[in-house]
Amino acid sequence: ITEAVSKVTWTAATKDSGIPTGYFEKF
């Protein structure tokens, strides 16, 4: 294996699909 994952990025698809105040999420 000559390459490996160096970063994973999660971006909310819409402005309403993120993590709201007072909540958490698992990735």
mmCIF file of all heavy atoms, coordinates in Angstrom:
data_MODEL
# 
_entry.id   MODEL 
# 
loop_
_atom_site.group_PDB 
_atom_site.id 
_atom_site.type_symbol 
_atom_site.label_atom_id 
_atom_site.label_alt_id 
_atom_site.label_comp_id 
_atom_site.label_asym_id 
_atom_site.label_entity_id 
_atom_site.label_seq_id 
_atom_site.pdbx_PDB_ins_code 
_atom_site.Cartn_x 
_atom_site.Cartn_y 
_atom_site.Cartn_z 
_atom_site.occupancy 
_atom_site.B_iso_or_equiv 
_atom_site.pdbx_formal_charge 
_atom_site.auth_seq_id 
_atom_site.auth_comp_id 
_atom_site.auth_asym_id 
_atom_site.auth_atom_id 
_atom_site.pdbx_PDB_model_num 
ATOM 1   N N   . ILE A 1 1  ? 0.857   -1.180 0.000  1.00 0.00 ? 1  ILE A N   1 
ATOM 2   C CA  . ILE A 1 1  ? 0.000   0.000  0.000  1.00 0.00 ? 1  ILE A CA  1 
ATOM 3   C C   . ILE A 1 1  ? 0.892   1.228  0.000  1.00 0.00 ? 1  ILE A C   1 
ATOM 4   O O   . ILE A 1 1  ? 1.710   1.429  0.911  1.00 0.00 ? 1  ILE A O   1 
ATOM 5   C CB  . ILE A 1 1  ? -0.923  0.018  1.228  1.00 0.00 ? 1  ILE A CB  1 
ATOM 6   C CG1 . ILE A 1 1  ? -1.710  -1.296 1.330  1.00 0.00 ? 1  ILE A CG1 1 
ATOM 7   C CG2 . ILE A 1 1  ? -1.857  1.203  1.163  1.00 0.00 ? 1  ILE A CG2 1 
ATOM 8   C CD1 . ILE A 1 1  ? -2.623  -1.572 0.173  1.00 0.00 ? 1  ILE A CD1 1 
ATOM 9   N N   . THR A 1 2  ? 0.773   2.061  -1.050 1.00 0.00 ? 2  THR A N   1 
ATOM 10  C CA  . THR A 1 2  ? 1.646   3.220  -1.186 1.00 0.00 ? 2  THR A CA  1 
ATOM 11  C C   . THR A 1 2  ? 0.984   4.529  -0.751 1.00 0.00 ? 2  THR A C   1 
ATOM 12  O O   . THR A 1 2  ? 1.653   5.563  -0.702 1.00 0.00 ? 2  THR A O   1 
ATOM 13  C CB  . THR A 1 2  ? 2.108   3.371  -2.644 1.00 0.00 ? 2  THR A CB  1 
ATOM 14  O OG1 . THR A 1 2  ? 0.953   3.506  -3.490 1.00 0.00 ? 2  THR A OG1 1 
ATOM 15  C CG2 . THR A 1 2  ? 2.911   2.151  -3.077 1.00 0.00 ? 2  THR A CG2 1 
ATOM 16  N N   . GLU A 1 3  ? -0.330  4.497  -0.463 1.00 0.00 ? 3  GLU A N   1 
ATOM 17  C CA  . GLU A 1 3  ? -1.027  5.679  0.025  1.00 0.00 ? 3  GLU A CA  1 
ATOM 18  C C   . GLU A 1 3  ? -2.059  5.274  1.068  1.00 0.00 ? 3  GLU A C   1 
ATOM 19  O O   . GLU A 1 3  ? -2.508  4.128  1.103  1.00 0.00 ? 3  GLU A O   1 
ATOM 20  C CB  . GLU A 1 3  ? -1.699  6.445  -1.122 1.00 0.00 ? 3  GLU A CB  1 
ATOM 21  C CG  . GLU A 1 3  ? -2.762  5.660  -1.853 1.00 0.00 ? 3  GLU A CG  1 
ATOM 22  C CD  . GLU A 1 3  ? -3.428  6.483  -2.951 1.00 0.00 ? 3  GLU A CD  1 
ATOM 23  O OE1 . GLU A 1 3  ? -2.926  7.573  -3.264 1.00 0.00 ? 3  GLU A OE1 1 
ATOM 24  O OE2 . GLU A 1 3  ? -4.452  6.029  -3.484 1.00 0.00 ? 3  GLU A OE2 1 
ATOM 25  N N   . ALA A 1 4  ? -2.409  6.203  1.921  1.00 0.00 ? 4  ALA A N   1 
ATOM 26  C CA  . ALA A 1 4  ? -3.363  5.934  2.998  1.00 0.00 ? 4  ALA A CA  1 
ATOM 27  C C   . ALA A 1 4  ? -4.208  7.184  3.236  1.00 0.00 ? 4  ALA A C   1 
ATOM 28  O O   . ALA A 1 4  ? -3.837  8.296  2.836  1.00 0.00 ? 4  ALA A O   1 
ATOM 29  C CB  . ALA A 1 4  ? -2.639  5.530  4.285  1.00 0.00 ? 4  ALA A CB  1 
ATOM 30  N N   . VAL A 1 5  ? -5.332  6.976  3.900  1.00 0.00 ? 5  VAL A N   1 
ATOM 31  C CA  . VAL A 1 5  ? -6.230  8.093  4.201  1.00 0.00 ? 5  VAL A CA  1 
ATOM 32  C C   . VAL A 1 5  ? -5.570  9.005  5.229  1.00 0.00 ? 5  VAL A C   1 
ATOM 33  O O   . VAL A 1 5  ? -5.129  8.552  6.286  1.00 0.00 ? 5  VAL A O   1 
ATOM 34  C CB  . VAL A 1 5  ? -7.582  7.582  4.724  1.00 0.00 ? 5  VAL A CB  1 
ATOM 35  C CG1 . VAL A 1 5  ? -8.447  8.743  5.212  1.00 0.00 ? 5  VAL A CG1 1 
ATOM 36  C CG2 . VAL A 1 5  ? -8.315  6.814  3.630  1.00 0.00 ? 5  VAL A CG2 1 
ATOM 37  N N   . SER A 1 6  ? -5.494  10.284 4.897  1.00 0.00 ? 6  SER A N   1 
ATOM 38  C CA  . SER A 1 6  ? -4.896  11.264 5.806  1.00 0.00 ? 6  SER A CA  1 
ATOM 39  C C   . SER A 1 6  ? -5.946  12.150 6.469  1.00 0.00 ? 6  SER A C   1 
ATOM 40  O O   . SER A 1 6  ? -5.682  12.752 7.507  1.00 0.00 ? 6  SER A O   1 
ATOM 41  C CB  . SER A 1 6  ? -3.894  12.145 5.058  1.00 0.00 ? 6  SER A CB  1 
ATOM 42  O OG  . SER A 1 6  ? -4.518  12.780 3.951  1.00 0.00 ? 6  SER A OG  1 
ATOM 43  N N   . LYS A 1 7  ? -7.149  12.210 5.864  1.00 0.00 ? 7  LYS A N   1 
ATOM 44  C CA  . LYS A 1 7  ? -8.189  13.065 6.442  1.00 0.00 ? 7  LYS A CA  1 
ATOM 45  C C   . LYS A 1 7  ? -9.563  12.639 5.934  1.00 0.00 ? 7  LYS A C   1 
ATOM 46  O O   . LYS A 1 7  ? -9.716  12.216 4.793  1.00 0.00 ? 7  LYS A O   1 
ATOM 47  C CB  . LYS A 1 7  ? -7.938  14.536 6.074  1.00 0.00 ? 7  LYS A CB  1 
ATOM 48  C CG  . LYS A 1 7  ? -8.945  15.504 6.670  1.00 0.00 ? 7  LYS A CG  1 
ATOM 49  C CD  . LYS A 1 7  ? -8.536  16.956 6.437  1.00 0.00 ? 7  LYS A CD  1 
ATOM 50  C CE  . LYS A 1 7  ? -8.612  17.343 4.978  1.00 0.00 ? 7  LYS A CE  1 
ATOM 51  N NZ  . LYS A 1 7  ? -8.385  18.799 4.773  1.00 0.00 ? 7  LYS A NZ  1 
ATOM 52  N N   . VAL A 1 8  ? -10.550 12.732 6.825  1.00 0.00 ? 8  VAL A N   1 
ATOM 53  C CA  . VAL A 1 8  ? -11.949 12.534 6.452  1.00 0.00 ? 8  VAL A CA  1 
ATOM 54  C C   . VAL A 1 8  ? -12.710 13.792 6.871  1.00 0.00 ? 8  VAL A C   1 
ATOM 55  O O   . VAL A 1 8  ? -12.565 14.271 7.997  1.00 0.00 ? 8  VAL A O   1 
ATOM 56  C CB  . VAL A 1 8  ? -12.562 11.292 7.126  1.00 0.00 ? 8  VAL A CB  1 
ATOM 57  C CG1 . VAL A 1 8  ? -14.045 11.163 6.767  1.00 0.00 ? 8  VAL A CG1 1 
ATOM 58  C CG2 . VAL A 1 8  ? -11.818 10.026 6.711  1.00 0.00 ? 8  VAL A CG2 1 
ATOM 59  N N   . THR A 1 9  ? -13.519 14.325 5.940  1.00 0.00 ? 9  THR A N   1 
ATOM 60  C CA  . THR A 1 9  ? -14.255 15.561 6.199  1.00 0.00 ? 9  THR A CA  1 
ATOM 61  C C   . THR A 1 9  ? -15.750 15.316 6.025  1.00 0.00 ? 9  THR A C   1 
ATOM 62  O O   . THR A 1 9  ? -16.183 14.787 5.003  1.00 0.00 ? 9  THR A O   1 
ATOM 63  C CB  . THR A 1 9  ? -13.812 16.666 5.230  1.00 0.00 ? 9  THR A CB  1 
ATOM 64  O OG1 . THR A 1 9  ? -12.392 16.854 5.340  1.00 0.00 ? 9  THR A OG1 1 
ATOM 65  C CG2 . THR A 1 9  ? -14.517 17.976 5.546  1.00 0.00 ? 9  THR A CG2 1 
ATOM 66  N N   . TRP A 1 10 ? -16.512 15.703 7.045  1.00 0.00 ? 10 TRP A N   1 
ATOM 67  C CA  . TRP A 1 10 ? -17.971 15.644 6.988  1.00 0.00 ? 10 TRP A CA  1 
ATOM 68  C C   . TRP A 1 10 ? -18.498 17.082 6.904  1.00 0.00 ? 10 TRP A C   1 
ATOM 69  O O   . TRP A 1 10 ? -18.164 17.929 7.746  1.00 0.00 ? 10 TRP A O   1 
ATOM 70  C CB  . TRP A 1 10 ? -18.552 14.977 8.224  1.00 0.00 ? 10 TRP A CB  1 
ATOM 71  C CG  . TRP A 1 10 ? -18.265 13.521 8.353  1.00 0.00 ? 10 TRP A CG  1 
ATOM 72  C CD1 . TRP A 1 10 ? -19.067 12.472 7.982  1.00 0.00 ? 10 TRP A CD1 1 
ATOM 73  C CD2 . TRP A 1 10 ? -17.097 12.913 8.962  1.00 0.00 ? 10 TRP A CD2 1 
ATOM 74  N NE1 . TRP A 1 10 ? -18.483 11.267 8.292  1.00 0.00 ? 10 TRP A NE1 1 
ATOM 75  C CE2 . TRP A 1 10 ? -17.269 11.512 8.891  1.00 0.00 ? 10 TRP A CE2 1 
ATOM 76  C CE3 . TRP A 1 10 ? -15.939 13.440 9.539  1.00 0.00 ? 10 TRP A CE3 1 
ATOM 77  C CZ2 . TRP A 1 10 ? -16.322 10.624 9.383  1.00 0.00 ? 10 TRP A CZ2 1 
ATOM 78  C CZ3 . TRP A 1 10 ? -14.994 12.552 10.017 1.00 0.00 ? 10 TRP A CZ3 1 
ATOM 79  C CH2 . TRP A 1 10 ? -15.182 11.162 9.943  1.00 0.00 ? 10 TRP A CH2 1 
ATOM 80  N N   . THR A 1 11 ? -19.331 17.365 5.899  1.00 0.00 ? 11 THR A N   1 
ATOM 81  C CA  . THR A 1 11 ? -19.908 18.696 5.738  1.00 0.00 ? 11 THR A CA  1 
ATOM 82  C C   . THR A 1 11 ? -21.420 18.577 5.649  1.00 0.00 ? 11 THR A C   1 
ATOM 83  O O   . THR A 1 11 ? -21.940 17.732 4.903  1.00 0.00 ? 11 THR A O   1 
ATOM 84  C CB  . THR A 1 11 ? -19.383 19.374 4.452  1.00 0.00 ? 11 THR A CB  1 
ATOM 85  O OG1 . THR A 1 11 ? -17.949 19.384 4.483  1.00 0.00 ? 11 THR A OG1 1 
ATOM 86  C CG2 . THR A 1 11 ? -19.898 20.796 4.352  1.00 0.00 ? 11 THR A CG2 1 
ATOM 87  N N   . ALA A 1 12 ? -22.122 19.392 6.423  1.00 0.00 ? 12 ALA A N   1 
ATOM 88  C CA  . ALA A 1 12 ? -23.582 19.347 6.411  1.00 0.00 ? 12 ALA A CA  1 
ATOM 89  C C   . ALA A 1 12 ? -24.092 19.655 5.008  1.00 0.00 ? 12 ALA A C   1 
ATOM 90  O O   . ALA A 1 12 ? -23.660 20.618 4.366  1.00 0.00 ? 12 ALA A O   1 
ATOM 91  C CB  . ALA A 1 12 ? -24.141 20.350 7.417  1.00 0.00 ? 12 ALA A CB  1 
ATOM 92  N N   . ALA A 1 13 ? -25.009 18.809 4.515  1.00 0.00 ? 13 ALA A N   1 
ATOM 93  C CA  . ALA A 1 13 ? -25.518 18.967 3.152  1.00 0.00 ? 13 ALA A CA  1 
ATOM 94  C C   . ALA A 1 13 ? -26.338 20.240 2.991  1.00 0.00 ? 13 ALA A C   1 
ATOM 95  O O   . ALA A 1 13 ? -26.324 20.879 1.937  1.00 0.00 ? 13 ALA A O   1 
ATOM 96  C CB  . ALA A 1 13 ? -26.348 17.747 2.764  1.00 0.00 ? 13 ALA A CB  1 
ATOM 97  N N   . THR A 1 14 ? -27.051 20.619 4.041  1.00 0.00 ? 14 THR A N   1 
ATOM 98  C CA  . THR A 1 14 ? -27.840 21.850 4.016  1.00 0.00 ? 14 THR A CA  1 
ATOM 99  C C   . THR A 1 14 ? -27.624 22.597 5.331  1.00 0.00 ? 14 THR A C   1 
ATOM 100 O O   . THR A 1 14 ? -27.048 22.055 6.277  1.00 0.00 ? 14 THR A O   1 
ATOM 101 C CB  . THR A 1 14 ? -29.343 21.552 3.846  1.00 0.00 ? 14 THR A CB  1 
ATOM 102 O OG1 . THR A 1 14 ? -29.822 20.850 5.004  1.00 0.00 ? 14 THR A OG1 1 
ATOM 103 C CG2 . THR A 1 14 ? -29.596 20.710 2.601  1.00 0.00 ? 14 THR A CG2 1 
ATOM 104 N N   . LYS A 1 15 ? -28.126 23.807 5.410  1.00 0.00 ? 15 LYS A N   1 
ATOM 105 C CA  . LYS A 1 15 ? -27.959 24.603 6.621  1.00 0.00 ? 15 LYS A CA  1 
ATOM 106 C C   . LYS A 1 15 ? -28.756 24.032 7.793  1.00 0.00 ? 15 LYS A C   1 
ATOM 107 O O   . LYS A 1 15 ? -28.503 24.371 8.948  1.00 0.00 ? 15 LYS A O   1 
ATOM 108 C CB  . LYS A 1 15 ? -28.377 26.047 6.375  1.00 0.00 ? 15 LYS A CB  1 
ATOM 109 C CG  . LYS A 1 15 ? -29.847 26.218 6.014  1.00 0.00 ? 15 LYS A CG  1 
ATOM 110 C CD  . LYS A 1 15 ? -30.198 27.674 5.810  1.00 0.00 ? 15 LYS A CD  1 
ATOM 111 C CE  . LYS A 1 15 ? -31.676 27.854 5.481  1.00 0.00 ? 15 LYS A CE  1 
ATOM 112 N NZ  . LYS A 1 15 ? -32.022 29.294 5.309  1.00 0.00 ? 15 LYS A NZ  1 
ATOM 113 N N   . ASP A 1 16 ? -29.728 23.176 7.481  1.00 0.00 ? 16 ASP A N   1 
ATOM 114 C CA  . ASP A 1 16 ? -30.551 22.585 8.541  1.00 0.00 ? 16 ASP A CA  1 
ATOM 115 C C   . ASP A 1 16 ? -30.123 21.171 8.915  1.00 0.00 ? 16 ASP A C   1 
ATOM 116 O O   . ASP A 1 16 ? -30.750 20.536 9.765  1.00 0.00 ? 16 ASP A O   1 
ATOM 117 C CB  . ASP A 1 16 ? -32.025 22.558 8.097  1.00 0.00 ? 16 ASP A CB  1 
ATOM 118 C CG  . ASP A 1 16 ? -32.578 23.948 7.838  1.00 0.00 ? 16 ASP A CG  1 
ATOM 119 O OD1 . ASP A 1 16 ? -32.191 24.881 8.574  1.00 0.00 ? 16 ASP A OD1 1 
ATOM 120 O OD2 . ASP A 1 16 ? -33.383 24.103 6.898  1.00 0.00 ? 16 ASP A OD2 1 
ATOM 121 N N   . SER A 1 17 ? -29.075 20.633 8.276  1.00 0.00 ? 17 SER A N   1 
ATOM 122 C CA  . SER A 1 17 ? -28.694 19.243 8.529  1.00 0.00 ? 17 SER A CA  1 
ATOM 123 C C   . SER A 1 17 ? -27.449 19.099 9.405  1.00 0.00 ? 17 SER A C   1 
ATOM 124 O O   . SER A 1 17 ? -26.886 18.019 9.511  1.00 0.00 ? 17 SER A O   1 
ATOM 125 C CB  . SER A 1 17 ? -28.444 18.518 7.201  1.00 0.00 ? 17 SER A CB  1 
ATOM 126 O OG  . SER A 1 17 ? -27.418 19.154 6.462  1.00 0.00 ? 17 SER A OG  1 
ATOM 127 N N   . GLY A 1 18 ? -27.006 20.184 10.046 1.00 0.00 ? 18 GLY A N   1 
ATOM 128 C CA  . GLY A 1 18 ? -25.867 20.101 10.950 1.00 0.00 ? 18 GLY A CA  1 
ATOM 129 C C   . GLY A 1 18 ? -26.293 19.626 12.330 1.00 0.00 ? 18 GLY A C   1 
ATOM 130 O O   . GLY A 1 18 ? -27.376 19.069 12.527 1.00 0.00 ? 18 GLY A O   1 
ATOM 131 N N   . ILE A 1 19 ? -25.419 19.836 13.317 1.00 0.00 ? 19 ILE A N   1 
ATOM 132 C CA  . ILE A 1 19 ? -25.717 19.457 14.699 1.00 0.00 ? 19 ILE A CA  1 
ATOM 133 C C   . ILE A 1 19 ? -26.260 20.686 15.420 1.00 0.00 ? 19 ILE A C   1 
ATOM 134 O O   . ILE A 1 19 ? -25.529 21.662 15.617 1.00 0.00 ? 19 ILE A O   1 
ATOM 135 C CB  . ILE A 1 19 ? -24.458 18.942 15.412 1.00 0.00 ? 19 ILE A CB  1 
ATOM 136 C CG1 . ILE A 1 19 ? -23.790 17.821 14.610 1.00 0.00 ? 19 ILE A CG1 1 
ATOM 137 C CG2 . ILE A 1 19 ? -24.808 18.442 16.813 1.00 0.00 ? 19 ILE A CG2 1 
ATOM 138 C CD1 . ILE A 1 19 ? -22.469 17.374 15.181 1.00 0.00 ? 19 ILE A CD1 1 
ATOM 139 N N   . PRO A 1 20 ? -27.522 20.676 15.819 1.00 0.00 ? 20 PRO A N   1 
ATOM 140 C CA  . PRO A 1 20 ? -28.099 21.866 16.464 1.00 0.00 ? 20 PRO A CA  1 
ATOM 141 C C   . PRO A 1 20 ? -27.616 22.049 17.896 1.00 0.00 ? 20 PRO A C   1 
ATOM 142 O O   . PRO A 1 20 ? -26.990 21.146 18.481 1.00 0.00 ? 20 PRO A O   1 
ATOM 143 C CB  . PRO A 1 20 ? -29.601 21.590 16.413 1.00 0.00 ? 20 PRO A CB  1 
ATOM 144 C CG  . PRO A 1 20 ? -29.713 20.100 16.374 1.00 0.00 ? 20 PRO A CG  1 
ATOM 145 C CD  . PRO A 1 20 ? -28.511 19.612 15.626 1.00 0.00 ? 20 PRO A CD  1 
ATOM 146 N N   . THR A 1 21 ? -27.934 23.179 18.460 1.00 0.00 ? 21 THR A N   1 
ATOM 147 C CA  . THR A 1 21 ? -27.560 23.497 19.835 1.00 0.00 ? 21 THR A CA  1 
ATOM 148 C C   . THR A 1 21 ? -28.144 22.478 20.815 1.00 0.00 ? 21 THR A C   1 
ATOM 149 O O   . THR A 1 21 ? -29.322 22.116 20.720 1.00 0.00 ? 21 THR A O   1 
ATOM 150 C CB  . THR A 1 21 ? -28.064 24.900 20.209 1.00 0.00 ? 21 THR A CB  1 
ATOM 151 O OG1 . THR A 1 21 ? -27.449 25.851 19.338 1.00 0.00 ? 21 THR A OG1 1 
ATOM 152 C CG2 . THR A 1 21 ? -27.727 25.238 21.647 1.00 0.00 ? 21 THR A CG2 1 
ATOM 153 N N   . GLY A 1 22 ? -27.319 22.024 21.745 1.00 0.00 ? 22 GLY A N   1 
ATOM 154 C CA  . GLY A 1 22 ? -27.779 21.086 22.766 1.00 0.00 ? 22 GLY A CA  1 
ATOM 155 C C   . GLY A 1 22 ? -27.798 19.637 22.332 1.00 0.00 ? 22 GLY A C   1 
ATOM 156 O O   . GLY A 1 22 ? -28.307 18.777 23.064 1.00 0.00 ? 22 GLY A O   1 
ATOM 157 N N   . TYR A 1 23 ? -27.234 19.319 21.165 1.00 0.00 ? 23 TYR A N   1 
ATOM 158 C CA  . TYR A 1 23 ? -27.218 17.945 20.665 1.00 0.00 ? 23 TYR A CA  1 
ATOM 159 C C   . TYR A 1 23 ? -25.792 17.527 20.327 1.00 0.00 ? 23 TYR A C   1 
ATOM 160 O O   . TYR A 1 23 ? -24.877 18.346 20.232 1.00 0.00 ? 23 TYR A O   1 
ATOM 161 C CB  . TYR A 1 23 ? -28.100 17.809 19.414 1.00 0.00 ? 23 TYR A CB  1 
ATOM 162 C CG  . TYR A 1 23 ? -29.582 17.905 19.695 1.00 0.00 ? 23 TYR A CG  1 
ATOM 163 C CD1 . TYR A 1 23 ? -30.202 19.149 19.797 1.00 0.00 ? 23 TYR A CD1 1 
ATOM 164 C CD2 . TYR A 1 23 ? -30.354 16.763 19.866 1.00 0.00 ? 23 TYR A CD2 1 
ATOM 165 C CE1 . TYR A 1 23 ? -31.562 19.249 20.069 1.00 0.00 ? 23 TYR A CE1 1 
ATOM 166 C CE2 . TYR A 1 23 ? -31.717 16.853 20.116 1.00 0.00 ? 23 TYR A CE2 1 
ATOM 167 C CZ  . TYR A 1 23 ? -32.314 18.095 20.221 1.00 0.00 ? 23 TYR A CZ  1 
ATOM 168 O OH  . TYR A 1 23 ? -33.657 18.193 20.480 1.00 0.00 ? 23 TYR A OH  1 
ATOM 169 N N   . PHE A 1 24 ? -25.616 16.209 20.132 1.00 0.00 ? 24 PHE A N   1 
ATOM 170 C CA  . PHE A 1 24 ? -24.342 15.698 19.657 1.00 0.00 ? 24 PHE A CA  1 
ATOM 171 C C   . PHE A 1 24 ? -24.618 14.687 18.549 1.00 0.00 ? 24 PHE A C   1 
ATOM 172 O O   . PHE A 1 24 ? -25.743 14.218 18.379 1.00 0.00 ? 24 PHE A O   1 
ATOM 173 C CB  . PHE A 1 24 ? -23.530 15.044 20.792 1.00 0.00 ? 24 PHE A CB  1 
ATOM 174 C CG  . PHE A 1 24 ? -24.047 13.697 21.220 1.00 0.00 ? 24 PHE A CG  1 
ATOM 175 C CD1 . PHE A 1 24 ? -23.603 12.531 20.599 1.00 0.00 ? 24 PHE A CD1 1 
ATOM 176 C CD2 . PHE A 1 24 ? -24.986 13.586 22.235 1.00 0.00 ? 24 PHE A CD2 1 
ATOM 177 C CE1 . PHE A 1 24 ? -24.084 11.289 20.995 1.00 0.00 ? 24 PHE A CE1 1 
ATOM 178 C CE2 . PHE A 1 24 ? -25.466 12.353 22.630 1.00 0.00 ? 24 PHE A CE2 1 
ATOM 179 C CZ  . PHE A 1 24 ? -25.014 11.198 22.012 1.00 0.00 ? 24 PHE A CZ  1 
ATOM 180 N N   . GLU A 1 25 ? -23.575 14.337 17.828 1.00 0.00 ? 25 GLU A N   1 
ATOM 181 C CA  . GLU A 1 25 ? -23.716 13.337 16.777 1.00 0.00 ? 25 GLU A CA  1 
ATOM 182 C C   . GLU A 1 25 ? -22.454 12.490 16.729 1.00 0.00 ? 25 GLU A C   1 
ATOM 183 O O   . GLU A 1 25 ? -21.362 12.961 17.034 1.00 0.00 ? 25 GLU A O   1 
ATOM 184 C CB  . GLU A 1 25 ? -23.978 13.992 15.421 1.00 0.00 ? 25 GLU A CB  1 
ATOM 185 C CG  . GLU A 1 25 ? -24.409 13.013 14.351 1.00 0.00 ? 25 GLU A CG  1 
ATOM 186 C CD  . GLU A 1 25 ? -25.323 13.655 13.314 1.00 0.00 ? 25 GLU A CD  1 
ATOM 187 O OE1 . GLU A 1 25 ? -25.586 14.871 13.409 1.00 0.00 ? 25 GLU A OE1 1 
ATOM 188 O OE2 . GLU A 1 25 ? -25.778 12.933 12.413 1.00 0.00 ? 25 GLU A OE2 1 
ATOM 189 N N   . LYS A 1 26 ? -22.636 11.211 16.332 1.00 0.00 ? 26 LYS A N   1 
ATOM 190 C CA  . LYS A 1 26 ? -21.501 10.302 16.196 1.00 0.00 ? 26 LYS A CA  1 
ATOM 191 C C   . LYS A 1 26 ? -21.200 10.070 14.718 1.00 0.00 ? 26 LYS A C   1 
ATOM 192 O O   . LYS A 1 26 ? -22.113 9.862  13.922 1.00 0.00 ? 26 LYS A O   1 
ATOM 193 C CB  . LYS A 1 26 ? -21.790 8.965  16.887 1.00 0.00 ? 26 LYS A CB  1 
ATOM 194 C CG  . LYS A 1 26 ? -21.878 9.047  18.397 1.00 0.00 ? 26 LYS A CG  1 
ATOM 195 C CD  . LYS A 1 26 ? -22.145 7.672  18.998 1.00 0.00 ? 26 LYS A CD  1 
ATOM 196 C CE  . LYS A 1 26 ? -22.213 7.738  20.514 1.00 0.00 ? 26 LYS A CE  1 
ATOM 197 N NZ  . LYS A 1 26 ? -22.470 6.399  21.112 1.00 0.00 ? 26 LYS A NZ  1 
ATOM 198 N N   . PHE A 1 27 ? -19.916 10.098 14.388 1.00 0.00 ? 27 PHE A N   1 
ATOM 199 C CA  . PHE A 1 27 ? -19.466 9.890  13.019 1.00 0.00 ? 27 PHE A CA  1 
ATOM 200 C C   . PHE A 1 27 ? -18.663 8.583  12.968 1.00 0.00 ? 27 PHE A C   1 
ATOM 201 O O   . PHE A 1 27 ? -17.489 8.562  13.348 1.00 0.00 ? 27 PHE A O   1 
ATOM 202 C CB  . PHE A 1 27 ? -18.616 11.075 12.564 1.00 0.00 ? 27 PHE A CB  1 
ATOM 203 C CG  . PHE A 1 27 ? -19.366 12.382 12.528 1.00 0.00 ? 27 PHE A CG  1 
ATOM 204 C CD1 . PHE A 1 27 ? -19.593 13.115 13.694 1.00 0.00 ? 27 PHE A CD1 1 
ATOM 205 C CD2 . PHE A 1 27 ? -19.854 12.884 11.332 1.00 0.00 ? 27 PHE A CD2 1 
ATOM 206 C CE1 . PHE A 1 27 ? -20.288 14.319 13.668 1.00 0.00 ? 27 PHE A CE1 1 
ATOM 207 C CE2 . PHE A 1 27 ? -20.560 14.092 11.293 1.00 0.00 ? 27 PHE A CE2 1 
ATOM 208 C CZ  . PHE A 1 27 ? -20.779 14.802 12.459 1.00 0.00 ? 27 PHE A CZ  1 
# 
